[in-house]
Amino acid sequence: MLLAVAVENSRTLVGLVFEGAVKRHWWVGTDPRRTADEWAVLLGGLLAGEAPVAGIAVCSAVPHVLHELRDVVARYYADLPSVVLEPGVKTGLPVLVDNPREVGTDRIANALAAVNRHGSPCVVVDIGTATTVDLVNPAGAFVGGAIAPGIETATDALGEAAAQLRRVELVRPRAALAKNTVEALQSGAIFGFTALVDGLVTRILIEQSLAPGSVPVVATGALAALIVPESTLITHHEPFLPLLGLHQAFARNH
């Protein structure tokens, strides 16, 4: 059983992966102030009563959290094989961008799992604190993508900047043409970001001489369930994609 920890900016996905399947998972808040000892207590509490883990794999989009998790691995799981996904770690996924070190390792984990499950070429859409749209080309290489604000990030900023607007629950409104402010905000968030995702996917595929609708588009992330039902291009919803990518990276290195 592999303990996999995928850190996003506002949420962290923790899971137990066995033979390529996620057996248990938990979403916890990402707190940059959480120390290594606090992480160890948190993980220990989640694992209480579970089968013993035989290894640990970690990726993080938050540098300070990565530092603390590296300390957790060294002090609390020193007797287990481990992988901290970062530049230089073997993944089998070529990263063909200007500066590979700038690419978040969560994006690499997602792409690694998407290619393994759906082949290449494929598009990976991660809908969380940020919205990322990444492409793995027909040769199986990560060739870049686009980064946009996340749904919550954008709606929270709008609520703070506009005096007469407020934060609303992110649920599907009755229609795109709203009759009240709450549903107008929900329409802009849900339908607006769906259009953003579909538009970016279409533009990226056309630029790469790939036909929209002919390439698997895999969605993941804490907020993906809001967008997947509305999208005309997303073909697969894989909520645990980063955990599966970490499992593959671990297997390749051990």
C-alpha atoms as a PDB file:
ATOM      1  CA  MET A   1       0.000   0.000   0.000  1.00  0.00           C
ATOM      2  CA  LEU A   2       1.429   3.350  -1.059  1.00  0.00           C
ATOM      3  CA  LEU A   3       0.738   6.543   0.882  1.00  0.00           C
ATOM      4  CA  ALA A   4       0.439   9.300  -1.747  1.00  0.00           C
ATOM      5  CA  VAL A   5       0.246  13.010  -0.874  1.00  0.00           C
ATOM      6  CA  ALA A   6      -0.528  15.568  -3.600  1.00  0.00           C
ATOM      7  CA  VAL A   7      -0.426  19.159  -2.351  1.00  0.00           C
ATOM      8  CA  GLU A   8      -2.363  21.897  -4.141  1.00  0.00           C
ATOM      9  CA  ASN A   9      -2.418  25.544  -3.123  1.00  0.00           C
ATOM     10  CA  SER A  10      -5.594  25.377  -1.029  1.00  0.00           C
ATOM     11  CA  ARG A  11      -6.289  21.639  -0.693  1.00  0.00           C
ATOM     12  CA  THR A  12      -4.210  18.501  -0.301  1.00  0.00           C
ATOM     13  CA  LEU A  13      -5.267  15.091  -1.591  1.00  0.00           C
ATOM     14  CA  VAL A  14      -4.050  12.190   0.529  1.00  0.00           C
ATOM     15  CA  GLY A  15      -4.642   8.626  -0.580  1.00  0.00           C
ATOM     16  CA  LEU A  16      -3.765   4.970  -0.221  1.00  0.00           C
ATOM     17  CA  VAL A  17      -2.975   3.374  -3.572  1.00  0.00           C
ATOM     18  CA  PHE A  18      -2.667  -0.360  -4.132  1.00  0.00           C
ATOM     19  CA  GLU A  19      -1.944  -2.003  -7.479  1.00  0.00           C
ATOM     20  CA  GLY A  20      -2.936   1.097  -9.418  1.00  0.00           C
ATOM     21  CA  ALA A  21      -6.226   1.714  -7.602  1.00  0.00           C
ATOM     22  CA  VAL A  22      -7.023   4.314  -4.941  1.00  0.00           C
ATOM     23  CA  LYS A  23      -8.398   2.420  -1.963  1.00  0.00           C
ATOM     24  CA  ARG A  24      -8.889   5.361   0.414  1.00  0.00           C
ATOM     25  CA  HIS A  25      -8.643   9.104   0.024  1.00  0.00           C
ATOM     26  CA  TRP A  26      -8.977  12.269   2.083  1.00  0.00           C
ATOM     27  CA  TRP A  27      -9.059  15.990   1.209  1.00  0.00           C
ATOM     28  CA  VAL A  28      -7.405  18.215   3.818  1.00  0.00           C
ATOM     29  CA  GLY A  29      -6.677  21.935   3.844  1.00  0.00           C
ATOM     30  CA  THR A  30      -3.258  23.091   2.681  1.00  0.00           C
ATOM     31  CA  ASP A  31      -1.753  25.241   5.404  1.00  0.00           C
ATOM     32  CA  PRO A  32       1.754  26.592   4.667  1.00  0.00           C
ATOM     33  CA  ARG A  33       2.225  27.118   8.413  1.00  0.00           C
ATOM     34  CA  ARG A  34       1.756  23.416   9.200  1.00  0.00           C
ATOM     35  CA  THR A  35       5.025  21.994  10.505  1.00  0.00           C
ATOM     36  CA  ALA A  36       6.517  18.594   9.737  1.00  0.00           C
ATOM     37  CA  ASP A  37       5.441  17.355  13.152  1.00  0.00           C
ATOM     38  CA  GLU A  38       1.874  18.531  12.546  1.00  0.00           C
ATOM     39  CA  TRP A  39       1.863  16.810   9.151  1.00  0.00           C
ATOM     40  CA  ALA A  40       3.049  13.613  10.810  1.00  0.00           C
ATOM     41  CA  VAL A  41       0.239  13.783  13.366  1.00  0.00           C
ATOM     42  CA  LEU A  42      -2.321  14.484  10.626  1.00  0.00           C
ATOM     43  CA  LEU A  43      -1.151  11.612   8.435  1.00  0.00           C
ATOM     44  CA  GLY A  44      -0.947   9.287  11.427  1.00  0.00           C
ATOM     45  CA  GLY A  45      -4.553  10.084  12.312  1.00  0.00           C
ATOM     46  CA  LEU A  46      -5.756   9.419   8.765  1.00  0.00           C
ATOM     47  CA  LEU A  47      -3.892   6.118   8.626  1.00  0.00           C
ATOM     48  CA  ALA A  48      -5.137   4.848  11.987  1.00  0.00           C
ATOM     49  CA  GLY A  49      -6.855   1.522  11.433  1.00  0.00           C
ATOM     50  CA  GLU A  50      -5.681   1.252   7.817  1.00  0.00           C
ATOM     51  CA  ALA A  51      -3.378  -1.401   6.383  1.00  0.00           C
ATOM     52  CA  PRO A  52       0.336  -0.682   6.901  1.00  0.00           C
ATOM     53  CA  VAL A  53       1.918   1.418   4.172  1.00  0.00           C
ATOM     54  CA  ALA A  54       4.909   0.071   2.267  1.00  0.00           C
ATOM     55  CA  GLY A  55       6.050   3.359   0.736  1.00  0.00           C
ATOM     56  CA  ILE A  56       5.319   7.062   0.446  1.00  0.00           C
ATOM     57  CA  ALA A  57       5.217   9.411  -2.556  1.00  0.00           C
ATOM     58  CA  VAL A  58       4.794  13.177  -2.423  1.00  0.00           C
ATOM     59  CA  CYS A  59       4.352  16.083  -4.812  1.00  0.00           C
ATOM     60  CA  SER A  60       3.647  19.683  -3.923  1.00  0.00           C
ATOM     61  CA  ALA A  61       2.797  22.914  -5.724  1.00  0.00           C
ATOM     62  CA  VAL A  62       3.650  24.839  -2.529  1.00  0.00           C
ATOM     63  CA  PRO A  63       7.420  25.093  -1.852  1.00  0.00           C
ATOM     64  CA  HIS A  64       7.144  25.617   1.917  1.00  0.00           C
ATOM     65  CA  VAL A  65       4.831  22.636   2.295  1.00  0.00           C
ATOM     66  CA  LEU A  66       7.202  20.539   0.207  1.00  0.00           C
ATOM     67  CA  HIS A  67      10.028  21.437   2.591  1.00  0.00           C
ATOM     68  CA  GLU A  68       8.001  20.258   5.583  1.00  0.00           C
ATOM     69  CA  LEU A  69       6.843  17.066   3.853  1.00  0.00           C
ATOM     70  CA  ARG A  70      10.412  16.269   2.888  1.00  0.00           C
ATOM     71  CA  ASP A  71      11.199  16.473   6.615  1.00  0.00           C
ATOM     72  CA  VAL A  72       8.233  14.191   7.383  1.00  0.00           C
ATOM     73  CA  VAL A  73       9.514  11.590   4.936  1.00  0.00           C
ATOM     74  CA  ALA A  74      13.043  11.758   6.366  1.00  0.00           C
ATOM     75  CA  ARG A  75      12.072  11.572  10.036  1.00  0.00           C
ATOM     76  CA  TYR A  76       8.790   9.678  10.242  1.00  0.00           C
ATOM     77  CA  TYR A  77       8.971   7.340   7.235  1.00  0.00           C
ATOM     78  CA  ALA A  78      12.733   6.848   7.014  1.00  0.00           C
ATOM     79  CA  ASP A  79      12.382   3.054   6.993  1.00  0.00           C
ATOM     80  CA  LEU A  80      10.126   3.090   3.916  1.00  0.00           C
ATOM     81  CA  PRO A  81      11.037   3.579   0.255  1.00  0.00           C
ATOM     82  CA  SER A  82       9.951   7.039  -0.854  1.00  0.00           C
ATOM     83  CA  VAL A  83       9.709   9.377  -3.826  1.00  0.00           C
ATOM     84  CA  VAL A  84       9.470  13.136  -3.642  1.00  0.00           C
ATOM     85  CA  LEU A  85       8.454  14.127  -7.159  1.00  0.00           C
ATOM     86  CA  GLU A  86      10.674  16.967  -8.362  1.00  0.00           C
ATOM     87  CA  PRO A  87      12.937  17.805 -11.321  1.00  0.00           C
ATOM     88  CA  GLY A  88      15.453  15.038 -11.813  1.00  0.00           C
ATOM     89  CA  VAL A  89      13.224  12.227 -10.584  1.00  0.00           C
ATOM     90  CA  LYS A  90      12.654   9.508 -13.199  1.00  0.00           C
ATOM     91  CA  THR A  91       9.094   9.490 -14.521  1.00  0.00           C
ATOM     92  CA  GLY A  92       9.442   8.338 -18.126  1.00  0.00           C
ATOM     93  CA  LEU A  93       7.597  11.496 -19.217  1.00  0.00           C
ATOM     94  CA  PRO A  94       9.762  13.904 -21.248  1.00  0.00           C
ATOM     95  CA  VAL A  95       9.059  17.549 -20.336  1.00  0.00           C
ATOM     96  CA  LEU A  96       9.605  19.652 -23.454  1.00  0.00           C
ATOM     97  CA  VAL A  97       9.177  23.231 -22.236  1.00  0.00           C
ATOM     98  CA  ASP A  98      11.510  26.226 -21.935  1.00  0.00           C
ATOM     99  CA  ASN A  99      12.327  25.536 -18.282  1.00  0.00           C
ATOM    100  CA  PRO A 100      11.172  22.115 -17.004  1.00  0.00           C
ATOM    101  CA  ARG A 101      11.923  23.139 -13.403  1.00  0.00           C
ATOM    102  CA  GLU A 102       9.131  25.708 -13.562  1.00  0.00           C
ATOM    103  CA  VAL A 103       6.450  23.094 -14.229  1.00  0.00           C
ATOM    104  CA  GLY A 104       4.517  22.164 -11.086  1.00  0.00           C
ATOM    105  CA  THR A 105       5.072  18.553 -10.131  1.00  0.00           C
ATOM    106  CA  ASP A 106       1.314  18.148  -9.642  1.00  0.00           C
ATOM    107  CA  ARG A 107       0.935  18.810 -13.384  1.00  0.00           C
ATOM    108  CA  ILE A 108       3.579  16.180 -14.125  1.00  0.00           C
ATOM    109  CA  ALA A 109       1.846  13.629 -11.871  1.00  0.00           C
ATOM    110  CA  ASN A 110      -1.467  14.320 -13.623  1.00  0.00           C
ATOM    111  CA  ALA A 111       0.043  13.965 -17.085  1.00  0.00           C
ATOM    112  CA  LEU A 112       1.873  10.782 -16.130  1.00  0.00           C
ATOM    113  CA  ALA A 113      -1.333   9.120 -14.956  1.00  0.00           C
ATOM    114  CA  ALA A 114      -3.415  10.413 -17.871  1.00  0.00           C
ATOM    115  CA  VAL A 115      -1.033   8.985 -20.466  1.00  0.00           C
ATOM    116  CA  ASN A 116      -0.916   5.651 -18.666  1.00  0.00           C
ATOM    117  CA  ARG A 117      -4.716   5.390 -18.518  1.00  0.00           C
ATOM    118  CA  HIS A 118      -5.759   7.008 -21.794  1.00  0.00           C
ATOM    119  CA  GLY A 119      -2.726   7.031 -24.063  1.00  0.00           C
ATOM    120  CA  SER A 120      -1.231   9.908 -26.011  1.00  0.00           C
ATOM    121  CA  PRO A 121      -1.987  12.463 -27.199  1.00  0.00           C
ATOM    122  CA  CYS A 122      -4.200  13.638 -24.360  1.00  0.00           C
ATOM    123  CA  VAL A 123      -5.200  16.831 -22.599  1.00  0.00           C
ATOM    124  CA  VAL A 124      -5.244  17.141 -18.820  1.00  0.00           C
ATOM    125  CA  VAL A 125      -7.460  19.746 -17.146  1.00  0.00           C
ATOM    126  CA  ASP A 126      -6.895  20.370 -13.433  1.00  0.00           C
ATOM    127  CA  ILE A 127      -9.647  22.477 -11.851  1.00  0.00           C
ATOM    128  CA  GLY A 128      -8.630  23.641  -8.400  1.00  0.00           C
ATOM    129  CA  THR A 129      -7.083  26.804  -6.948  1.00  0.00           C
ATOM    130  CA  ALA A 130      -5.841  27.414 -10.481  1.00  0.00           C
ATOM    131  CA  THR A 131      -7.228  25.987 -13.706  1.00  0.00           C
ATOM    132  CA  THR A 132      -4.544  24.318 -15.796  1.00  0.00           C
ATOM    133  CA  VAL A 133      -4.894  22.835 -19.274  1.00  0.00           C
ATOM    134  CA  ASP A 134      -1.895  20.728 -20.327  1.00  0.00           C
ATOM    135  CA  LEU A 135      -1.074  18.696 -23.426  1.00  0.00           C
ATOM    136  CA  VAL A 136       0.823  15.451 -23.823  1.00  0.00           C
ATOM    137  CA  ASN A 137       1.726  15.143 -27.499  1.00  0.00           C
ATOM    138  CA  PRO A 138       1.389  12.035 -29.698  1.00  0.00           C
ATOM    139  CA  ALA A 139       4.975  11.046 -28.829  1.00  0.00           C
ATOM    140  CA  GLY A 140       4.102  10.946 -25.118  1.00  0.00           C
ATOM    141  CA  ALA A 141       5.888  14.142 -24.053  1.00  0.00           C
ATOM    142  CA  PHE A 142       4.563  16.937 -21.856  1.00  0.00           C
ATOM    143  CA  VAL A 143       4.742  19.975 -24.132  1.00  0.00           C
ATOM    144  CA  GLY A 144       3.172  22.723 -22.005  1.00  0.00           C
ATOM    145  CA  GLY A 145      -0.197  24.235 -21.337  1.00  0.00           C
ATOM    146  CA  ALA A 146      -2.170  27.183 -20.023  1.00  0.00           C
ATOM    147  CA  ILE A 147      -2.820  28.437 -16.491  1.00  0.00           C
ATOM    148  CA  ALA A 148      -5.922  30.453 -15.571  1.00  0.00           C
ATOM    149  CA  PRO A 149      -7.443  31.471 -12.219  1.00  0.00           C
ATOM    150  CA  GLY A 150      -9.477  28.834 -10.426  1.00  0.00           C
ATOM    151  CA  ILE A 151     -13.228  29.119  -9.995  1.00  0.00           C
ATOM    152  CA  GLU A 152     -13.061  29.888  -6.267  1.00  0.00           C
ATOM    153  CA  THR A 153     -10.064  32.183  -6.734  1.00  0.00           C
ATOM    154  CA  ALA A 154     -11.902  34.278  -9.295  1.00  0.00           C
ATOM    155  CA  THR A 155     -15.256  34.424  -7.503  1.00  0.00           C
ATOM    156  CA  ASP A 156     -13.612  35.276  -4.165  1.00  0.00           C
ATOM    157  CA  ALA A 157     -11.648  38.089  -5.812  1.00  0.00           C
ATOM    158  CA  LEU A 158     -14.809  39.409  -7.435  1.00  0.00           C
ATOM    159  CA  GLY A 159     -16.605  39.396  -4.095  1.00  0.00           C
ATOM    160  CA  GLU A 160     -13.796  41.402  -2.509  1.00  0.00           C
ATOM    161  CA  ALA A 161     -13.443  43.896  -5.351  1.00  0.00           C
ATOM    162  CA  ALA A 162     -17.102  44.610  -6.150  1.00  0.00           C
ATOM    163  CA  ALA A 163     -19.050  46.336  -3.389  1.00  0.00           C
ATOM    164  CA  GLN A 164     -22.488  44.986  -4.323  1.00  0.00           C
ATOM    165  CA  LEU A 165     -21.404  41.417  -5.041  1.00  0.00           C
ATOM    166  CA  ARG A 166     -20.766  38.637  -2.557  1.00  0.00           C
ATOM    167  CA  ARG A 167     -19.495  35.107  -2.330  1.00  0.00           C
ATOM    168  CA  VAL A 168     -22.063  32.501  -3.358  1.00  0.00           C
ATOM    169  CA  GLU A 169     -22.317  28.732  -3.215  1.00  0.00           C
ATOM    170  CA  LEU A 170     -20.782  27.195  -6.304  1.00  0.00           C
ATOM    171  CA  VAL A 171     -23.672  25.177  -7.701  1.00  0.00           C
ATOM    172  CA  ARG A 172     -25.259  25.015 -11.146  1.00  0.00           C
ATOM    173  CA  PRO A 173     -27.857  27.762 -11.624  1.00  0.00           C
ATOM    174  CA  ARG A 174     -31.157  27.152 -13.381  1.00  0.00           C
ATOM    175  CA  ALA A 175     -30.024  28.873 -16.575  1.00  0.00           C
ATOM    176  CA  ALA A 176     -27.170  30.897 -18.032  1.00  0.00           C
ATOM    177  CA  LEU A 177     -29.479  33.924 -18.262  1.00  0.00           C
ATOM    178  CA  ALA A 178     -29.982  34.577 -14.551  1.00  0.00           C
ATOM    179  CA  LYS A 179     -32.829  36.559 -12.971  1.00  0.00           C
ATOM    180  CA  ASN A 180     -31.068  37.408  -9.705  1.00  0.00           C
ATOM    181  CA  THR A 181     -27.571  38.294  -8.521  1.00  0.00           C
ATOM    182  CA  VAL A 182     -26.813  34.983  -6.833  1.00  0.00           C
ATOM    183  CA  GLU A 183     -27.621  32.934  -9.930  1.00  0.00           C
ATOM    184  CA  ALA A 184     -25.874  35.488 -12.146  1.00  0.00           C
ATOM    185  CA  LEU A 185     -22.678  34.909 -10.170  1.00  0.00           C
ATOM    186  CA  GLN A 186     -23.192  31.150 -10.319  1.00  0.00           C
ATOM    187  CA  SER A 187     -23.761  31.325 -14.067  1.00  0.00           C
ATOM    188  CA  GLY A 188     -20.571  33.273 -14.598  1.00  0.00           C
ATOM    189  CA  ALA A 189     -18.639  30.832 -12.432  1.00  0.00           C
ATOM    190  CA  ILE A 190     -19.965  27.497 -13.716  1.00  0.00           C
ATOM    191  CA  PHE A 191     -20.837  28.248 -17.341  1.00  0.00           C
ATOM    192  CA  GLY A 192     -18.134  30.874 -17.723  1.00  0.00           C
ATOM    193  CA  PHE A 193     -15.355  28.574 -16.571  1.00  0.00           C
ATOM    194  CA  THR A 194     -16.733  25.720 -18.646  1.00  0.00           C
ATOM    195  CA  ALA A 195     -16.441  27.984 -21.699  1.00  0.00           C
ATOM    196  CA  LEU A 196     -12.915  28.920 -20.600  1.00  0.00           C
ATOM    197  CA  VAL A 197     -11.871  25.262 -20.332  1.00  0.00           C
ATOM    198  CA  ASP A 198     -13.481  24.208 -23.614  1.00  0.00           C
ATOM    199  CA  GLY A 199     -12.063  27.257 -25.366  1.00  0.00           C
ATOM    200  CA  LEU A 200      -8.507  26.640 -24.163  1.00  0.00           C
ATOM    201  CA  VAL A 201      -8.694  22.940 -25.026  1.00  0.00           C
ATOM    202  CA  THR A 202      -9.943  23.757 -28.523  1.00  0.00           C
ATOM    203  CA  ARG A 203      -7.315  26.420 -29.170  1.00  0.00           C
ATOM    204  CA  ILE A 204      -4.438  24.262 -27.882  1.00  0.00           C
ATOM    205  CA  LEU A 205      -5.473  21.257 -29.979  1.00  0.00           C
ATOM    206  CA  ILE A 206      -5.930  23.314 -33.152  1.00  0.00           C
ATOM    207  CA  GLU A 207      -2.512  24.957 -32.635  1.00  0.00           C
ATOM    208  CA  GLN A 208      -0.978  21.476 -32.433  1.00  0.00           C
ATOM    209  CA  SER A 209      -2.844  20.242 -35.535  1.00  0.00           C
ATOM    210  CA  LEU A 210      -5.010  17.927 -33.452  1.00  0.00           C
ATOM    211  CA  ALA A 211      -8.750  17.744 -33.990  1.00  0.00           C
ATOM    212  CA  PRO A 212     -10.945  18.727 -31.013  1.00  0.00           C
ATOM    213  CA  GLY A 213     -13.128  15.770 -30.163  1.00  0.00           C
ATOM    214  CA  SER A 214     -10.546  13.224 -31.301  1.00  0.00           C
ATOM    215  CA  VAL A 215      -8.235  13.516 -28.261  1.00  0.00           C
ATOM    216  CA  PRO A 216      -9.029  12.302 -24.710  1.00  0.00           C
ATOM    217  CA  VAL A 217      -9.564  15.224 -22.341  1.00  0.00           C
ATOM    218  CA  VAL A 218      -9.101  14.164 -18.728  1.00  0.00           C
ATOM    219  CA  ALA A 219     -10.378  16.365 -15.895  1.00  0.00           C
ATOM    220  CA  THR A 220      -9.187  16.233 -12.308  1.00  0.00           C
ATOM    221  CA  GLY A 221      -9.010  18.560  -9.308  1.00  0.00           C
ATOM    222  CA  ALA A 222     -11.173  19.357  -6.308  1.00  0.00           C
ATOM    223  CA  LEU A 223     -13.656  21.431  -8.341  1.00  0.00           C
ATOM    224  CA  ALA A 224     -13.731  19.372 -11.534  1.00  0.00           C
ATOM    225  CA  ALA A 225     -17.167  17.942 -10.730  1.00  0.00           C
ATOM    226  CA  LEU A 226     -18.641  21.439 -11.256  1.00  0.00           C
ATOM    227  CA  ILE A 227     -17.377  21.672 -14.834  1.00  0.00           C
ATOM    228  CA  VAL A 228     -17.394  18.114 -16.183  1.00  0.00           C
ATOM    229  CA  PRO A 229     -21.195  17.840 -16.696  1.00  0.00           C
ATOM    230  CA  GLU A 230     -21.271  21.129 -18.618  1.00  0.00           C
ATOM    231  CA  SER A 231     -18.246  20.603 -20.853  1.00  0.00           C
ATOM    232  CA  THR A 232     -18.603  19.390 -24.425  1.00  0.00           C
ATOM    233  CA  LEU A 233     -14.959  18.293 -24.675  1.00  0.00           C
ATOM    234  CA  ILE A 234     -14.057  16.615 -21.371  1.00  0.00           C
ATOM    235  CA  THR A 235     -14.188  12.871 -21.955  1.00  0.00           C
ATOM    236  CA  HIS A 236     -13.026  11.466 -18.593  1.00  0.00           C
ATOM    237  CA  HIS A 237     -13.297  12.566 -14.977  1.00  0.00           C
ATOM    238  CA  GLU A 238     -10.425  11.188 -12.880  1.00  0.00           C
ATOM    239  CA  PRO A 239     -10.627  12.784  -9.411  1.00  0.00           C
ATOM    240  CA  PHE A 240      -7.576  10.893  -8.110  1.00  0.00           C
ATOM    241  CA  LEU A 241      -5.281  11.461 -11.078  1.00  0.00           C
ATOM    242  CA  PRO A 242      -2.356  12.932  -9.082  1.00  0.00           C
ATOM    243  CA  LEU A 243      -2.370   9.982  -6.679  1.00  0.00           C
ATOM    244  CA  LEU A 244      -2.213   7.562  -9.601  1.00  0.00           C
ATOM    245  CA  GLY A 245       0.640   9.560 -11.119  1.00  0.00           C
ATOM    246  CA  LEU A 246       2.541   9.414  -7.845  1.00  0.00           C
ATOM    247  CA  HIS A 247       1.995   5.655  -7.748  1.00  0.00           C
ATOM    248  CA  GLN A 248       3.525   5.355 -11.219  1.00  0.00           C
ATOM    249  CA  ALA A 249       6.509   7.549 -10.313  1.00  0.00           C
ATOM    250  CA  PHE A 250       7.078   5.478  -7.176  1.00  0.00           C
ATOM    251  CA  ALA A 251       6.920   2.210  -9.115  1.00  0.00           C
ATOM    252  CA  ARG A 252       9.404   3.507 -11.686  1.00  0.00           C
ATOM    253  CA  ASN A 253      11.905   4.483  -8.998  1.00  0.00           C
ATOM    254  CA  HIS A 254      11.467   1.417  -6.770  1.00  0.00           C
END
